[in-house]
Amino acid sequence: MTPLRLFRFAAIAEAVTWTLLLAGLVLRATLGLDLAVTVGGGIHGFVFLAFAAVAVLVAINQRWSFVVTVLAVGSAVVPYATIPVELWLGRTGRLSGAWRLEQTADPRDARWFDRAARALFRRPRVLAAVIAVGVIALFVTLLVAGPPGGENAA
């Protein structure tokens, strides 16, 4: 899977889960189904975190600037914004190319996180496991912490 395909998949998944969350909010408001927000919100929250991890991973590989990286990750905060951002990144060539598996003459390749990323890019199953464990750990931590503002905030 190329950086383009991975980012596109994550962007679409993030947008789809916005639909689940918004549908849950409508069901809660119209039918009093609090469970709909709990389920839709949980799925959306998990995919949001996974999208952010994918965006950072692709940003490292593609050598995006800090601003572009923040824009990509931040697009998940606005409903459906990941789709136009993915289209923009694709049109501007920021999603072009393959995974950088070998060090080049570029001085940025000597940075510790570039070396670590290349090592993980060469082992996609290990990389997927590391991302999954990280996202799951953060998701569970946030679930335990509860909603912002306490239990009555949601």
Protein backbone atom coordinates (compact mmCIF):
# COMPACT_ATOMS: atom_id res chain seq x y z
CA MET A 1 0.00 0.00 0.00
CA THR A 2 1.40 3.39 -1.00
CA PRO A 3 1.29 6.50 1.20
CA LEU A 4 -1.42 7.86 -1.11
CA ARG A 5 -3.65 4.80 -0.75
CA LEU A 6 -3.17 4.58 3.02
CA PHE A 7 -3.89 8.27 3.55
CA ARG A 8 -6.91 8.16 1.20
CA PHE A 9 -8.32 5.10 3.01
CA ALA A 10 -7.88 6.78 6.40
CA ALA A 11 -9.40 10.07 5.17
CA ILE A 12 -12.48 8.32 3.80
CA ALA A 13 -12.87 6.20 6.94
CA GLU A 14 -12.67 9.33 9.07
CA ALA A 15 -15.36 11.03 6.98
CA VAL A 16 -17.62 7.96 7.17
CA THR A 17 -17.35 7.92 10.96
CA TRP A 18 -18.39 11.59 11.04
CA THR A 19 -21.62 10.38 9.45
CA LEU A 20 -22.03 7.78 12.21
CA LEU A 21 -21.47 10.40 14.90
CA LEU A 22 -23.82 12.94 13.33
CA ALA A 23 -26.49 10.26 12.82
CA GLY A 24 -26.08 9.32 16.48
CA LEU A 25 -26.60 12.94 17.50
CA VAL A 26 -29.77 13.13 15.40
CA LEU A 27 -31.08 9.87 16.91
CA ARG A 28 -30.36 11.13 20.42
CA ALA A 29 -32.10 14.45 19.74
CA THR A 30 -35.15 12.95 18.03
CA LEU A 31 -35.64 9.56 19.67
CA GLY A 32 -33.68 9.92 22.89
CA LEU A 33 -31.25 7.15 21.88
CA ASP A 34 -28.18 8.06 23.90
CA LEU A 35 -26.61 4.75 22.89
CA ALA A 36 -26.42 5.95 19.27
CA VAL A 37 -24.01 8.74 20.27
CA THR A 38 -22.03 6.37 22.47
CA VAL A 39 -21.54 3.89 19.63
CA GLY A 40 -21.09 6.41 16.81
CA GLY A 41 -18.88 8.62 18.96
CA GLY A 42 -16.73 5.72 20.07
CA ILE A 43 -16.17 4.50 16.54
CA HIS A 44 -15.48 8.03 15.34
CA GLY A 45 -13.05 8.68 18.21
CA PHE A 46 -11.07 5.55 17.46
CA VAL A 47 -10.88 6.25 13.72
CA PHE A 48 -9.99 9.90 14.47
CA LEU A 49 -6.96 8.74 16.44
CA ALA A 50 -6.02 6.22 13.74
CA PHE A 51 -6.30 8.93 11.07
CA ALA A 52 -4.03 11.22 13.07
CA ALA A 53 -1.45 8.42 13.39
CA VAL A 54 -1.61 7.72 9.65
CA ALA A 55 -1.30 11.44 8.85
CA VAL A 56 1.83 11.77 11.01
CA LEU A 57 3.31 8.60 9.54
CA VAL A 58 2.72 9.78 5.96
CA ALA A 59 3.98 13.26 6.88
CA ILE A 60 7.29 11.80 8.06
CA ASN A 61 7.63 9.69 4.92
CA GLN A 62 6.67 12.51 2.57
CA ARG A 63 8.69 15.13 4.47
CA TRP A 64 5.77 17.47 4.92
CA SER A 65 6.32 20.78 6.69
CA PHE A 66 5.00 21.23 10.20
CA VAL A 67 2.17 23.44 8.86
CA VAL A 68 1.05 20.86 6.28
CA THR A 69 1.18 18.11 8.92
CA VAL A 70 -0.94 20.15 11.36
CA LEU A 71 -3.41 20.94 8.57
CA ALA A 72 -3.70 17.25 7.64
CA VAL A 73 -4.21 16.11 11.24
CA GLY A 74 -6.46 19.09 12.02
CA SER A 75 -8.70 18.34 9.05
CA ALA A 76 -10.20 15.51 11.09
CA VAL A 77 -11.68 18.02 13.53
CA VAL A 78 -13.99 19.54 10.89
CA PRO A 79 -16.67 17.17 9.58
CA TYR A 80 -15.72 15.72 6.20
CA ALA A 81 -12.67 18.00 5.79
CA THR A 82 -10.30 15.05 5.43
CA ILE A 83 -11.63 14.48 1.90
CA PRO A 84 -10.78 17.91 0.41
CA VAL A 85 -7.46 17.92 2.27
CA GLU A 86 -6.61 14.49 0.80
CA LEU A 87 -7.53 15.79 -2.67
CA TRP A 88 -5.35 18.88 -2.17
CA LEU A 89 -2.41 16.84 -0.88
CA GLY A 90 -2.74 14.53 -3.89
CA ARG A 91 -3.00 17.37 -6.43
CA THR A 92 0.06 19.11 -4.99
CA GLY A 93 2.15 15.93 -5.10
CA ARG A 94 2.43 15.61 -1.33
CA LEU A 95 1.15 12.03 -1.47
CA SER A 96 3.27 10.92 -4.43
CA GLY A 97 5.87 8.19 -4.27
CA ALA A 98 6.54 5.09 -2.28
CA TRP A 99 7.63 4.47 1.27
CA ARG A 100 11.21 5.60 1.90
CA LEU A 101 12.92 2.34 2.84
CA GLU A 102 16.56 3.30 2.34
CA GLN A 103 18.65 6.23 3.50
CA THR A 104 19.54 8.77 0.83
CA ALA A 105 22.04 11.62 0.68
CA ASP A 106 19.39 13.97 2.04
CA PRO A 107 20.58 15.18 5.49
CA ARG A 108 17.05 14.75 6.86
CA ASP A 109 17.47 11.00 6.49
CA ALA A 110 19.95 11.06 9.39
CA ARG A 111 17.33 12.25 11.90
CA TRP A 112 16.46 9.66 14.57
CA PHE A 113 12.75 9.55 13.70
CA ASP A 114 13.51 9.11 9.99
CA ARG A 115 15.79 6.17 10.79
CA ALA A 116 13.12 4.67 13.06
CA ALA A 117 10.41 5.24 10.45
CA ARG A 118 12.48 3.55 7.72
CA ALA A 119 13.08 0.56 9.97
CA LEU A 120 9.33 0.27 10.55
CA PHE A 121 8.44 0.90 6.88
CA ARG A 122 10.53 -2.16 6.03
CA ARG A 123 8.39 -4.21 8.45
CA PRO A 124 4.79 -3.23 7.66
CA ARG A 125 3.22 -5.81 9.99
CA VAL A 126 5.30 -4.55 12.90
CA LEU A 127 4.45 -0.97 11.98
CA ALA A 128 0.73 -1.79 11.84
CA ALA A 129 0.99 -3.49 15.26
CA VAL A 130 2.85 -0.52 16.78
CA ILE A 131 0.26 1.93 15.45
CA ALA A 132 -2.63 -0.30 16.57
CA VAL A 133 -1.25 -0.69 20.09
CA GLY A 134 -0.59 3.04 20.34
CA VAL A 135 -4.04 4.02 19.10
CA ILE A 136 -5.75 1.44 21.33
CA ALA A 137 -3.76 2.56 24.39
CA LEU A 138 -4.60 6.21 23.78
CA PHE A 139 -8.26 5.39 23.07
CA VAL A 140 -8.61 3.38 26.29
CA THR A 141 -6.84 6.12 28.27
CA LEU A 142 -9.26 8.72 26.90
CA LEU A 143 -12.25 6.47 27.65
CA VAL A 144 -11.09 6.03 31.24
CA ALA A 145 -10.49 9.79 31.58
CA GLY A 146 -14.05 10.45 30.44
CA PRO A 147 -15.52 13.31 28.44
CA PRO A 148 -14.09 16.83 28.71
CA GLY A 149 -15.80 18.63 31.56
CA GLY A 150 -16.77 15.45 33.41
CA GLU A 151 -19.55 12.90 33.23
CA ASN A 152 -22.36 15.44 32.77
CA ALA A 153 -20.66 17.16 29.83
CA ALA A 154 -21.89 14.70 27.20
